[in-house]
C-alpha atoms as a PDB file:
ATOM      1  CA  MET A   1      40.223  69.129  -7.808  1.00  0.00           C
ATOM      2  CA  THR A   2      39.232  67.027  -5.315  1.00  0.00           C
ATOM      3  CA  ALA A   3      40.899  66.917  -1.561  1.00  0.00           C
ATOM      4  CA  SER A   4      43.101  64.459  -0.418  1.00  0.00           C
ATOM      5  CA  ARG A   5      42.056  61.502   2.107  1.00  0.00           C
ATOM      6  CA  PRO A   6      43.628  61.683   5.248  1.00  0.00           C
ATOM      7  CA  SER A   7      46.485  58.951   5.272  1.00  0.00           C
ATOM      8  CA  SER A   8      47.516  56.630   8.175  1.00  0.00           C
ATOM      9  CA  PRO A   9      49.529  54.592   8.155  1.00  0.00           C
ATOM     10  CA  LEU A  10      48.679  50.488   8.452  1.00  0.00           C
ATOM     11  CA  PRO A  11      48.740  48.701  11.852  1.00  0.00           C
ATOM     12  CA  THR A  12      51.630  46.129  11.827  1.00  0.00           C
ATOM     13  CA  PRO A  13      52.301  43.426  13.870  1.00  0.00           C
ATOM     14  CA  GLY A  14      52.771  43.828  17.711  1.00  0.00           C
ATOM     15  CA  ALA A  15      51.123  47.655  17.615  1.00  0.00           C
ATOM     16  CA  ARG A  16      48.636  49.455  19.420  1.00  0.00           C
ATOM     17  CA  ALA A  17      45.246  47.654  18.693  1.00  0.00           C
ATOM     18  CA  ALA A  18      43.143  50.673  16.521  1.00  0.00           C
ATOM     19  CA  SER A  19      40.863  52.844  18.443  1.00  0.00           C
ATOM     20  CA  LEU A  20      37.775  54.162  18.448  1.00  0.00           C
ATOM     21  CA  ALA A  21      39.014  57.563  18.121  1.00  0.00           C
ATOM     22  CA  ASP A  22      41.884  56.320  15.941  1.00  0.00           C
ATOM     23  CA  VAL A  23      39.009  55.845  12.979  1.00  0.00           C
ATOM     24  CA  ALA A  24      37.254  59.078  14.125  1.00  0.00           C
ATOM     25  CA  ALA A  25      40.290  60.727  13.231  1.00  0.00           C
ATOM     26  CA  LEU A  26      40.983  58.666   9.839  1.00  0.00           C
ATOM     27  CA  ALA A  27      37.522  59.608   8.748  1.00  0.00           C
ATOM     28  CA  GLY A  28      37.049  63.071  10.067  1.00  0.00           C
ATOM     29  CA  VAL A  29      34.295  62.491  12.133  1.00  0.00           C
ATOM     30  CA  SER A  30      33.783  62.658  15.701  1.00  0.00           C
ATOM     31  CA  THR A  31      34.106  59.497  17.810  1.00  0.00           C
ATOM     32  CA  GLY A  32      29.921  59.417  18.316  1.00  0.00           C
ATOM     33  CA  THR A  33      29.739  58.958  14.355  1.00  0.00           C
ATOM     34  CA  VAL A  34      31.623  56.546  14.587  1.00  0.00           C
ATOM     35  CA  SER A  35      29.614  54.501  17.539  1.00  0.00           C
ATOM     36  CA  ARG A  36      26.404  55.162  15.234  1.00  0.00           C
ATOM     37  CA  VAL A  37      27.559  54.296  12.092  1.00  0.00           C
ATOM     38  CA  LEU A  38      28.728  50.852  13.691  1.00  0.00           C
ATOM     39  CA  SER A  39      25.909  50.220  15.856  1.00  0.00           C
ATOM     40  CA  ARG A  40      22.673  51.852  13.491  1.00  0.00           C
ATOM     41  CA  PRO A  41      24.246  52.960  10.470  1.00  0.00           C
ATOM     42  CA  ASN A  42      20.726  53.516   9.130  1.00  0.00           C
ATOM     43  CA  MET A  43      20.871  56.588  11.483  1.00  0.00           C
ATOM     44  CA  ILE A  44      23.585  58.037   9.344  1.00  0.00           C
ATOM     45  CA  SER A  45      24.075  59.718   5.760  1.00  0.00           C
ATOM     46  CA  GLU A  46      25.305  56.990   3.094  1.00  0.00           C
ATOM     47  CA  ALA A  47      28.766  58.913   1.858  1.00  0.00           C
ATOM     48  CA  THR A  48      30.017  59.610   5.558  1.00  0.00           C
ATOM     49  CA  ARG A  49      28.932  56.129   6.619  1.00  0.00           C
ATOM     50  CA  LEU A  50      31.265  54.500   3.645  1.00  0.00           C
ATOM     51  CA  ARG A  51      33.829  57.187   5.035  1.00  0.00           C
ATOM     52  CA  VAL A  52      33.969  55.525   8.476  1.00  0.00           C
ATOM     53  CA  MET A  53      34.133  52.049   7.524  1.00  0.00           C
ATOM     54  CA  ASP A  54      36.975  52.883   4.715  1.00  0.00           C
ATOM     55  CA  ALA A  55      38.571  53.573   7.944  1.00  0.00           C
ATOM     56  CA  VAL A  56      37.784  50.710   9.859  1.00  0.00           C
ATOM     57  CA  ASP A  57      39.123  48.501   7.068  1.00  0.00           C
ATOM     58  CA  ARG A  58      42.050  50.704   7.041  1.00  0.00           C
ATOM     59  CA  LEU A  59      42.663  50.905  10.792  1.00  0.00           C
ATOM     60  CA  GLY A  60      41.989  47.214  11.015  1.00  0.00           C
ATOM     61  CA  TYR A  61      39.837  48.288  13.856  1.00  0.00           C
ATOM     62  CA  VAL A  62      37.173  45.670  15.938  1.00  0.00           C
ATOM     63  CA  ALA A  63      34.973  46.896  18.320  1.00  0.00           C
ATOM     64  CA  ASN A  64      35.430  46.046  22.280  1.00  0.00           C
ATOM     65  CA  GLY A  65      32.176  43.733  22.100  1.00  0.00           C
ATOM     66  CA  THR A  66      32.412  43.205  25.785  1.00  0.00           C
ATOM     67  CA  ALA A  67      32.495  47.392  26.656  1.00  0.00           C
ATOM     68  CA  ARG A  68      29.617  47.732  24.052  1.00  0.00           C
ATOM     69  CA  ALA A  69      27.601  45.153  25.140  1.00  0.00           C
ATOM     70  CA  LEU A  70      28.129  46.366  28.950  1.00  0.00           C
ATOM     71  CA  ALA A  71      26.860  50.434  27.482  1.00  0.00           C
ATOM     72  CA  MET A  72      24.500  48.866  25.726  1.00  0.00           C
ATOM     73  CA  ARG A  73      23.129  46.138  28.131  1.00  0.00           C
ATOM     74  CA  ARG A  74      22.982  43.638  24.888  1.00  0.00           C
ATOM     75  CA  THR A  75      25.723  41.981  22.860  1.00  0.00           C
ATOM     76  CA  MET A  76      23.513  42.165  19.855  1.00  0.00           C
ATOM     77  CA  THR A  77      23.549  38.409  19.119  1.00  0.00           C
ATOM     78  CA  VAL A  78      20.890  35.532  18.799  1.00  0.00           C
ATOM     79  CA  GLY A  79      21.453  31.847  19.642  1.00  0.00           C
ATOM     80  CA  ALA A  80      19.786  29.525  17.740  1.00  0.00           C
ATOM     81  CA  ILE A  81      19.630  25.451  18.047  1.00  0.00           C
ATOM     82  CA  VAL A  82      18.992  23.268  15.371  1.00  0.00           C
ATOM     83  CA  PRO A  83      19.778  19.855  15.646  1.00  0.00           C
ATOM     84  CA  ARG A  84      20.522  17.510  12.824  1.00  0.00           C
ATOM     85  CA  PHE A  85      21.867  20.171   9.781  1.00  0.00           C
ATOM     86  CA  GLY A  86      23.367  18.020   8.107  1.00  0.00           C
ATOM     87  CA  SER A  87      21.037  15.941   5.241  1.00  0.00           C
ATOM     88  CA  SER A  88      18.365  18.744   5.379  1.00  0.00           C
ATOM     89  CA  SER A  89      16.455  21.410   4.684  1.00  0.00           C
ATOM     90  CA  PHE A  90      17.491  23.359   7.860  1.00  0.00           C
ATOM     91  CA  PRO A  91      20.638  25.231   5.772  1.00  0.00           C
ATOM     92  CA  ALA A  92      17.848  27.445   3.644  1.00  0.00           C
ATOM     93  CA  LEU A  93      16.435  28.248   6.766  1.00  0.00           C
ATOM     94  CA  VAL A  94      18.760  29.085   8.892  1.00  0.00           C
ATOM     95  CA  GLN A  95      20.336  31.329   6.207  1.00  0.00           C
ATOM     96  CA  ALA A  96      17.815  33.354   5.857  1.00  0.00           C
ATOM     97  CA  LEU A  97      17.258  33.950   9.970  1.00  0.00           C
ATOM     98  CA  GLU A  98      21.079  35.186   9.737  1.00  0.00           C
ATOM     99  CA  SER A  99      20.049  37.829   6.709  1.00  0.00           C
ATOM    100  CA  THR A 100      17.469  39.009   8.240  1.00  0.00           C
ATOM    101  CA  LEU A 101      18.913  39.747  11.709  1.00  0.00           C
ATOM    102  CA  ALA A 102      22.049  40.484   9.942  1.00  0.00           C
ATOM    103  CA  ALA A 103      20.228  43.495   8.003  1.00  0.00           C
ATOM    104  CA  GLY A 104      18.927  44.426  12.100  1.00  0.00           C
ATOM    105  CA  GLY A 105      22.738  44.423  13.285  1.00  0.00           C
ATOM    106  CA  TYR A 106      22.700  41.290  14.906  1.00  0.00           C
ATOM    107  CA  THR A 107      24.730  38.375  14.473  1.00  0.00           C
ATOM    108  CA  LEU A 108      23.628  34.435  14.820  1.00  0.00           C
ATOM    109  CA  LEU A 109      25.293  31.610  17.506  1.00  0.00           C
ATOM    110  CA  LEU A 110      24.411  28.525  16.108  1.00  0.00           C
ATOM    111  CA  SER A 111      24.532  25.321  17.600  1.00  0.00           C
ATOM    112  CA  ALA A 112      24.029  22.048  15.956  1.00  0.00           C
ATOM    113  CA  PRO A 113      23.740  19.165  18.110  1.00  0.00           C
ATOM    114  CA  GLU A 114      22.989  15.288  17.566  1.00  0.00           C
ATOM    115  CA  PRO A 115      19.731  14.549  19.350  1.00  0.00           C
ATOM    116  CA  ARG A 116      19.622  14.642  23.047  1.00  0.00           C
ATOM    117  CA  PRO A 117      17.962  13.562  25.591  1.00  0.00           C
ATOM    118  CA  ALA A 118      14.806  16.088  26.268  1.00  0.00           C
ATOM    119  CA  THR A 119      15.997  17.419  29.934  1.00  0.00           C
ATOM    120  CA  ASP A 120      19.232  18.222  28.568  1.00  0.00           C
ATOM    121  CA  THR A 121      19.498  22.205  28.623  1.00  0.00           C
ATOM    122  CA  SER A 122      23.308  22.715  28.761  1.00  0.00           C
ATOM    123  CA  ILE A 123      23.569  24.374  25.222  1.00  0.00           C
ATOM    124  CA  LEU A 124      20.545  26.847  26.218  1.00  0.00           C
ATOM    125  CA  ARG A 125      22.151  27.151  28.852  1.00  0.00           C
ATOM    126  CA  ALA A 126      25.465  27.704  27.439  1.00  0.00           C
ATOM    127  CA  LEU A 127      24.058  30.686  24.637  1.00  0.00           C
ATOM    128  CA  LEU A 128      22.629  32.126  27.496  1.00  0.00           C
ATOM    129  CA  GLU A 129      25.761  32.630  29.643  1.00  0.00           C
ATOM    130  CA  ARG A 130      27.491  34.252  26.481  1.00  0.00           C
ATOM    131  CA  GLY A 131      24.369  36.978  26.633  1.00  0.00           C
ATOM    132  CA  VAL A 132      22.477  36.213  24.020  1.00  0.00           C
ATOM    133  CA  ASP A 133      19.964  38.778  23.745  1.00  0.00           C
ATOM    134  CA  ALA A 134      17.002  36.079  22.328  1.00  0.00           C
ATOM    135  CA  VAL A 135      17.140  32.279  20.965  1.00  0.00           C
ATOM    136  CA  ALA A 136      15.631  30.857  18.192  1.00  0.00           C
ATOM    137  CA  LEU A 137      14.509  27.153  18.770  1.00  0.00           C
ATOM    138  CA  LEU A 138      13.960  24.347  16.664  1.00  0.00           C
ATOM    139  CA  GLY A 139       9.490  23.015  16.450  1.00  0.00           C
ATOM    140  CA  ALA A 140       7.402  23.002  19.063  1.00  0.00           C
ATOM    141  CA  GLU A 141       7.702  20.797  21.446  1.00  0.00           C
ATOM    142  CA  GLN A 142       9.980  22.327  23.830  1.00  0.00           C
ATOM    143  CA  PRO A 143      10.908  20.876  27.493  1.00  0.00           C
ATOM    144  CA  GLN A 144       9.458  22.786  30.185  1.00  0.00           C
ATOM    145  CA  GLN A 145      13.152  23.050  31.647  1.00  0.00           C
ATOM    146  CA  VAL A 146      13.700  25.213  28.038  1.00  0.00           C
ATOM    147  CA  LEU A 147      10.609  27.029  28.336  1.00  0.00           C
ATOM    148  CA  ALA A 148      11.375  27.703  32.672  1.00  0.00           C
ATOM    149  CA  MET A 149      14.919  28.918  31.203  1.00  0.00           C
ATOM    150  CA  LEU A 150      13.632  31.793  29.253  1.00  0.00           C
ATOM    151  CA  GLY A 151      11.337  32.587  30.914  1.00  0.00           C
ATOM    152  CA  ALA A 152      13.673  32.902  34.102  1.00  0.00           C
ATOM    153  CA  SER A 153      15.976  34.947  31.998  1.00  0.00           C
ATOM    154  CA  ARG A 154      13.045  37.381  30.540  1.00  0.00           C
ATOM    155  CA  THR A 155      15.046  36.078  27.101  1.00  0.00           C
ATOM    156  CA  PRO A 156      12.812  36.143  23.779  1.00  0.00           C
ATOM    157  CA  PHE A 157      12.055  33.178  21.881  1.00  0.00           C
ATOM    158  CA  VAL A 158      10.581  31.766  18.618  1.00  0.00           C
ATOM    159  CA  CYS A 159       9.764  28.229  17.556  1.00  0.00           C
ATOM    160  CA  MET A 160      10.497  27.865  13.949  1.00  0.00           C
ATOM    161  CA  TRP A 161       9.088  25.086  11.623  1.00  0.00           C
ATOM    162  CA  ALA A 162       6.094  24.961  14.241  1.00  0.00           C
ATOM    163  CA  PRO A 163       2.030  25.344  13.853  1.00  0.00           C
ATOM    164  CA  PRO A 164       1.725  29.269  14.203  1.00  0.00           C
ATOM    165  CA  ASP A 165      -0.451  30.176  17.812  1.00  0.00           C
ATOM    166  CA  ALA A 166      -1.804  33.053  18.983  1.00  0.00           C
ATOM    167  CA  SER A 167       1.320  33.743  21.084  1.00  0.00           C
ATOM    168  CA  GLY A 168       3.543  34.734  18.353  1.00  0.00           C
ATOM    169  CA  SER A 169       6.273  32.624  19.163  1.00  0.00           C
ATOM    170  CA  SER A 170       5.816  29.720  16.592  1.00  0.00           C
ATOM    171  CA  ILE A 171       6.626  30.224  13.289  1.00  0.00           C
ATOM    172  CA  GLY A 172       5.612  27.406  10.383  1.00  0.00           C
ATOM    173  CA  PHE A 173       3.004  26.380   7.927  1.00  0.00           C
ATOM    174  CA  ASP A 174      -0.304  23.547   8.211  1.00  0.00           C
ATOM    175  CA  GLU A 175       1.370  20.038   7.810  1.00  0.00           C
ATOM    176  CA  LYS A 176      -2.424  19.093   6.938  1.00  0.00           C
ATOM    177  CA  ALA A 177      -2.443  21.444   4.582  1.00  0.00           C
ATOM    178  CA  ALA A 178       0.716  19.946   2.293  1.00  0.00           C
ATOM    179  CA  ALA A 179      -0.393  16.201   3.566  1.00  0.00           C
ATOM    180  CA  VAL A 180      -3.848  16.643   1.733  1.00  0.00           C
ATOM    181  CA  LEU A 181      -1.931  18.124  -1.395  1.00  0.00           C
ATOM    182  CA  ILE A 182       0.218  14.770  -2.249  1.00  0.00           C
ATOM    183  CA  VAL A 183      -2.809  12.800  -1.143  1.00  0.00           C
ATOM    184  CA  GLU A 184      -5.110  15.127  -3.668  1.00  0.00           C
ATOM    185  CA  HIS A 185      -2.878  14.878  -6.265  1.00  0.00           C
ATOM    186  CA  LEU A 186      -2.201  10.918  -6.299  1.00  0.00           C
ATOM    187  CA  ARG A 187      -5.642  10.179  -5.423  1.00  0.00           C
ATOM    188  CA  ALA A 188      -6.600  12.224  -8.339  1.00  0.00           C
ATOM    189  CA  LEU A 189      -3.769   9.783 -10.686  1.00  0.00           C
ATOM    190  CA  GLY A 190      -5.027   6.104  -9.791  1.00  0.00           C
ATOM    191  CA  HIS A 191      -3.646   5.584  -6.457  1.00  0.00           C
ATOM    192  CA  ARG A 192      -5.306   3.907  -3.805  1.00  0.00           C
ATOM    193  CA  SER A 193      -2.632   1.930  -1.733  1.00  0.00           C
ATOM    194  CA  LEU A 194       0.920   3.779  -0.789  1.00  0.00           C
ATOM    195  CA  GLY A 195       3.694   3.185   0.603  1.00  0.00           C
ATOM    196  CA  TYR A 196       5.518   5.549   2.801  1.00  0.00           C
ATOM    197  CA  ILE A 197       9.503   6.245   3.719  1.00  0.00           C
ATOM    198  CA  GLY A 198       9.961   9.446   6.275  1.00  0.00           C
ATOM    199  CA  GLY A 199      12.375  10.300   9.407  1.00  0.00           C
ATOM    200  CA  ARG A 200      11.496   8.928  12.675  1.00  0.00           C
ATOM    201  CA  THR A 201       8.724   9.792  15.050  1.00  0.00           C
ATOM    202  CA  ALA A 202      10.616   8.369  18.278  1.00  0.00           C
ATOM    203  CA  ASP A 203      12.990  11.009  17.480  1.00  0.00           C
ATOM    204  CA  SER A 204      11.317  14.168  15.654  1.00  0.00           C
ATOM    205  CA  GLU A 205       7.739  15.823  16.389  1.00  0.00           C
ATOM    206  CA  ARG A 206       7.930  16.865  12.621  1.00  0.00           C
ATOM    207  CA  ALA A 207       8.207  13.344  11.952  1.00  0.00           C
ATOM    208  CA  ARG A 208       5.204  12.213  13.455  1.00  0.00           C
ATOM    209  CA  ARG A 209       3.045  15.506  12.357  1.00  0.00           C
ATOM    210  CA  ARG A 210       4.071  14.528   8.865  1.00  0.00           C
ATOM    211  CA  LEU A 211       3.006  10.873   9.153  1.00  0.00           C
ATOM    212  CA  ARG A 212      -0.122  11.617  11.528  1.00  0.00           C
ATOM    213  CA  ASP A 213      -1.373  14.011   9.138  1.00  0.00           C
ATOM    214  CA  LEU A 214      -0.944  11.779   5.611  1.00  0.00           C
ATOM    215  CA  LYS A 215      -2.534   9.609   7.543  1.00  0.00           C
ATOM    216  CA  LEU A 216      -4.821  11.441   8.240  1.00  0.00           C
ATOM    217  CA  ALA A 217      -5.554  12.535   4.431  1.00  0.00           C
ATOM    218  CA  MET A 218      -5.663   8.800   3.297  1.00  0.00           C
ATOM    219  CA  ALA A 219      -8.066   7.829   5.487  1.00  0.00           C
ATOM    220  CA  GLU A 220     -10.733  11.002   5.062  1.00  0.00           C
ATOM    221  CA  ARG A 221     -10.074   9.968   0.907  1.00  0.00           C
ATOM    222  CA  SER A 222     -10.404   6.066   1.357  1.00  0.00           C
ATOM    223  CA  LEU A 223      -6.191   5.318   0.745  1.00  0.00           C
ATOM    224  CA  VAL A 224      -4.397   2.600   2.537  1.00  0.00           C
ATOM    225  CA  LEU A 225      -1.127   3.044   3.740  1.00  0.00           C
ATOM    226  CA  ARG A 226       0.634  -0.865   3.245  1.00  0.00           C
ATOM    227  CA  THR A 227       1.792  -0.991   7.071  1.00  0.00           C
ATOM    228  CA  GLU A 228       4.681  -3.850   4.457  1.00  0.00           C
ATOM    229  CA  ALA A 229       5.739  -0.215   2.916  1.00  0.00           C
ATOM    230  CA  VAL A 230       6.322   1.829   5.967  1.00  0.00           C
ATOM    231  CA  ILE A 231      10.047   2.535   6.708  1.00  0.00           C
ATOM    232  CA  GLU A 232      10.688   5.342   9.486  1.00  0.00           C
ATOM    233  CA  THR A 233      14.655   5.949   8.914  1.00  0.00           C
ATOM    234  CA  ASP A 234      17.308   8.967   8.975  1.00  0.00           C
ATOM    235  CA  HIS A 235      16.876  12.031   6.639  1.00  0.00           C
ATOM    236  CA  GLY A 236      19.933  10.647   3.489  1.00  0.00           C
ATOM    237  CA  PHE A 237      20.468  10.179   0.025  1.00  0.00           C
ATOM    238  CA  ARG A 238      21.345   6.840   1.136  1.00  0.00           C
ATOM    239  CA  GLU A 239      19.023   5.730   3.981  1.00  0.00           C
ATOM    240  CA  GLY A 240      16.195   7.065   1.191  1.00  0.00           C
ATOM    241  CA  PHE A 241      18.085   4.144  -1.133  1.00  0.00           C
ATOM    242  CA  GLU A 242      18.602   1.753   1.108  1.00  0.00           C
ATOM    243  CA  ALA A 243      14.483   2.126   2.208  1.00  0.00           C
ATOM    244  CA  MET A 244      13.498   1.898  -1.470  1.00  0.00           C
ATOM    245  CA  GLN A 245      14.980  -1.177  -2.077  1.00  0.00           C
ATOM    246  CA  ALA A 246      13.387  -2.664   1.025  1.00  0.00           C
ATOM    247  CA  ILE A 247      10.262  -2.345  -0.180  1.00  0.00           C
ATOM    248  CA  ALA A 248      11.102  -3.054  -2.937  1.00  0.00           C
ATOM    249  CA  ARG A 249      12.289  -6.949  -2.136  1.00  0.00           C
ATOM    250  CA  ARG A 250       8.374  -6.815  -0.103  1.00  0.00           C
ATOM    251  CA  GLU A 251       6.729  -6.608  -3.161  1.00  0.00           C
ATOM    252  CA  PRO A 252       4.239  -4.459  -1.482  1.00  0.00           C
ATOM    253  CA  PRO A 253       0.969  -4.113  -3.294  1.00  0.00           C
ATOM    254  CA  VAL A 254       0.967  -0.216  -4.121  1.00  0.00           C
ATOM    255  CA  SER A 255       1.562   2.247  -6.575  1.00  0.00           C
ATOM    256  CA  ALA A 256       2.837   5.157  -4.936  1.00  0.00           C
ATOM    257  CA  ILE A 257       4.954   6.336  -2.151  1.00  0.00           C
ATOM    258  CA  VAL A 258       4.960   9.407  -0.435  1.00  0.00           C
ATOM    259  CA  CYS A 259       9.006   9.903   1.107  1.00  0.00           C
ATOM    260  CA  GLY A 260       9.043  12.609   4.254  1.00  0.00           C
ATOM    261  CA  SER A 261      11.912  14.809   2.124  1.00  0.00           C
ATOM    262  CA  ASP A 262      13.922  15.481  -1.049  1.00  0.00           C
ATOM    263  CA  TYR A 263      16.647  14.069   0.082  1.00  0.00           C
ATOM    264  CA  LEU A 264      14.933  10.765   0.976  1.00  0.00           C
ATOM    265  CA  ALA A 265      12.954  10.595  -2.183  1.00  0.00           C
ATOM    266  CA  ALA A 266      16.565  10.833  -3.874  1.00  0.00           C
ATOM    267  CA  GLY A 267      17.842   8.277  -2.765  1.00  0.00           C
ATOM    268  CA  ALA A 268      14.380   6.322  -3.790  1.00  0.00           C
ATOM    269  CA  LEU A 269      14.974   7.383  -7.354  1.00  0.00           C
ATOM    270  CA  ALA A 270      18.269   6.037  -7.952  1.00  0.00           C
ATOM    271  CA  ALA A 271      17.156   2.723  -5.849  1.00  0.00           C
ATOM    272  CA  LEU A 272      14.207   2.480  -8.200  1.00  0.00           C
ATOM    273  CA  ASP A 273      16.215   3.069 -11.072  1.00  0.00           C
ATOM    274  CA  GLN A 274      18.640   0.424 -10.222  1.00  0.00           C
ATOM    275  CA  ALA A 275      16.103  -2.240 -10.120  1.00  0.00           C
ATOM    276  CA  GLY A 276      14.797  -1.244 -13.206  1.00  0.00           C
ATOM    277  CA  ILE A 277      11.410   0.094 -11.345  1.00  0.00           C
ATOM    278  CA  GLU A 278      10.439   2.617 -14.334  1.00  0.00           C
ATOM    279  CA  VAL A 279       8.738   5.774 -12.334  1.00  0.00           C
ATOM    280  CA  PRO A 280       6.522   7.028 -12.920  1.00  0.00           C
ATOM    281  CA  ARG A 281       5.147   3.691 -15.417  1.00  0.00           C
ATOM    282  CA  ARG A 282       5.017   1.177 -12.348  1.00  0.00           C
ATOM    283  CA  LEU A 283       5.652   3.585  -9.401  1.00  0.00           C
ATOM    284  CA  SER A 284       5.133   7.186  -8.685  1.00  0.00           C
ATOM    285  CA  VAL A 285       7.053   9.179  -6.364  1.00  0.00           C
ATOM    286  CA  ALA A 286       6.355  11.970  -4.089  1.00  0.00           C
ATOM    287  CA  SER A 287       7.846  13.850  -1.241  1.00  0.00           C
ATOM    288  CA  PHE A 288       8.416  17.390   0.572  1.00  0.00           C
ATOM    289  CA  ASN A 289      10.086  20.705   0.816  1.00  0.00           C
ATOM    290  CA  ASP A 290      10.748  20.775  -2.933  1.00  0.00           C
ATOM    291  CA  ASN A 291      15.043  21.436  -2.536  1.00  0.00           C
ATOM    292  CA  ASP A 292      16.833  22.774  -5.285  1.00  0.00           C
ATOM    293  CA  PHE A 293      17.518  19.355  -6.471  1.00  0.00           C
ATOM    294  CA  ALA A 294      14.311  18.700  -7.235  1.00  0.00           C
ATOM    295  CA  PRO A 295      13.647  20.005 -11.000  1.00  0.00           C
ATOM    296  CA  TYR A 296      16.756  18.098 -11.997  1.00  0.00           C
ATOM    297  CA  LEU A 297      16.528  14.347 -10.409  1.00  0.00           C
ATOM    298  CA  HIS A 298      15.442  11.514 -12.483  1.00  0.00           C
ATOM    299  CA  PRO A 299      12.907  12.105 -13.426  1.00  0.00           C
ATOM    300  CA  PRO A 300      11.683  15.532 -11.801  1.00  0.00           C
ATOM    301  CA  LEU A 301      10.308  15.517  -8.251  1.00  0.00           C
ATOM    302  CA  THR A 302       7.371  16.090  -7.670  1.00  0.00           C
ATOM    303  CA  THR A 303       7.086  17.555  -4.332  1.00  0.00           C
ATOM    304  CA  VAL A 304       5.136  20.262  -2.172  1.00  0.00           C
ATOM    305  CA  HIS A 305       7.124  23.511  -1.591  1.00  0.00           C
ATOM    306  CA  LEU A 306       7.554  24.320   2.045  1.00  0.00           C
ATOM    307  CA  PRO A 307       8.504  28.245   2.587  1.00  0.00           C
ATOM    308  CA  ILE A 308      11.832  26.875   4.349  1.00  0.00           C
ATOM    309  CA  ARG A 309      13.724  29.833   3.690  1.00  0.00           C
ATOM    310  CA  GLU A 310      10.047  32.001   4.688  1.00  0.00           C
ATOM    311  CA  ILE A 311       9.854  30.557   8.324  1.00  0.00           C
ATOM    312  CA  GLY A 312      13.660  31.730   8.784  1.00  0.00           C
ATOM    313  CA  GLU A 313      12.824  35.355   7.425  1.00  0.00           C
ATOM    314  CA  GLN A 314       9.534  35.851   9.575  1.00  0.00           C
ATOM    315  CA  ALA A 315      11.664  34.441  12.493  1.00  0.00           C
ATOM    316  CA  GLY A 316      13.946  36.608  12.714  1.00  0.00           C
ATOM    317  CA  ARG A 317      11.909  39.538  11.816  1.00  0.00           C
ATOM    318  CA  GLN A 318       9.629  38.379  14.722  1.00  0.00           C
ATOM    319  CA  LEU A 319      12.774  38.137  16.679  1.00  0.00           C
ATOM    320  CA  LEU A 320      13.881  41.804  15.871  1.00  0.00           C
ATOM    321  CA  ALA A 321      10.356  43.151  16.684  1.00  0.00           C
ATOM    322  CA  ARG A 322      10.644  41.559  20.113  1.00  0.00           C
ATOM    323  CA  LEU A 323      13.916  43.504  20.630  1.00  0.00           C
ATOM    324  CA  GLY A 324      13.283  46.993  19.436  1.00  0.00           C
ATOM    325  CA  ALA A 325      14.634  46.560  16.499  1.00  0.00           C
ATOM    326  CA  GLY A 326      12.165  46.210  13.999  1.00  0.00           C
ATOM    327  CA  SER A 327       7.882  45.433  13.229  1.00  0.00           C
ATOM    328  CA  ALA A 328       6.650  42.165  12.772  1.00  0.00           C
ATOM    329  CA  THR A 329       3.154  40.975  12.225  1.00  0.00           C
ATOM    330  CA  ALA A 330       1.353  38.348  14.134  1.00  0.00           C
ATOM    331  CA  PRO A 331       2.629  35.472  12.451  1.00  0.00           C
ATOM    332  CA  VAL A 332       0.480  33.401   9.955  1.00  0.00           C
ATOM    333  CA  ALA A 333      -0.052  29.997   8.305  1.00  0.00           C
ATOM    334  CA  LEU A 334       2.895  30.297   5.404  1.00  0.00           C
ATOM    335  CA  PRO A 335       1.915  28.839   2.401  1.00  0.00           C
ATOM    336  CA  VAL A 336       2.156  25.919   0.748  1.00  0.00           C
ATOM    337  CA  ARG A 337       1.922  24.941  -2.296  1.00  0.00           C
ATOM    338  CA  LEU A 338       2.176  21.396  -4.931  1.00  0.00           C
ATOM    339  CA  MET A 339       5.382  21.312  -7.667  1.00  0.00           C
ATOM    340  CA  GLU A 340       3.807  18.873  -9.864  1.00  0.00           C
ATOM    341  CA  ARG A 341       6.620  17.011 -11.903  1.00  0.00           C
ATOM    342  CA  ALA A 342       6.913  14.115 -13.826  1.00  0.00           C
ATOM    343  CA  SER A 343       8.063  11.454 -11.302  1.00  0.00           C
ATOM    344  CA  THR A 344       3.939  10.989 -10.830  1.00  0.00           C
ATOM    345  CA  GLY A 345       1.601   9.114 -13.425  1.00  0.00           C
ATOM    346  CA  PRO A 346      -1.467   7.475 -13.664  1.00  0.00           C
ATOM    347  CA  ALA A 347      -1.666   4.319 -10.929  1.00  0.00           C
ATOM    348  CA  PRO A 348      -1.035   1.670 -13.241  1.00  0.00           C
ATOM    349  CA  ARG A 349      -3.907  -1.073 -13.913  1.00  0.00           C
END
């Protein structure tokens, strides 16, 4: 015969909020054990943890975050600033970052602002005033005011989607290696004259690096980037569609278009389909990112797989290590690889 579980009435509206002692009494453990289950569950046996969490759920217990933060001198939160969160690959990056931090007991506070002047530090200031224990930023080109604020507050930080460096604060991949994969692939297919649809270089360091590295890889292999077939725009399906329409109207002498993201490439493929321009027989299309939808476009998209989720995971591990909640090796350039599909083919005669 099994022992019956201690019973306790469920809380009613207006009743006193459940306390740590209430949870301990219902679970049949000490208040210290409850505290460890909520803050360091790896220190407690699975059976005890499940019993305590059952009591927490039944009582609707919510820890006093302010009191815990004062006691621990930590809020167990990490702030992240990721602009242009919408039509981009950043959701996958942030999801991986959040999952990694959650496994270490930390909550992610995300800010996804519209682009602002480089001197605007209001969002970072707001996160620091909320007491975040660490910060994840996007890109390597951070304003001096941001770095000064983080240094003055002694807040650990990492820069995601940035070329790895000796400091260990930058997590990313080799952009030039990604560009070389696409250029070598198109060159092997006989393409010599290319166009490009990418992000606005005035707004984004990632867009600047991507176009710069593509140009370098093309120049080293005697390929030509036609200026009349280059359009900078925002990343999105509609933007890619309209950019491809504009290039098609100009009828530049190109045999392939490289897109800065799969979102732009998806729009470009739709525009070519509507115009009756067959891909890849008349025009090849290649891209970067390898988003989940890339294999299901018409035709399936040739693209460079970028380690988007891995960037988020490695950033999370690096922050946890700096907060003393884990270990991490020095960041290295994450691998990239070409996903060759049906949107690219031999250059037409």
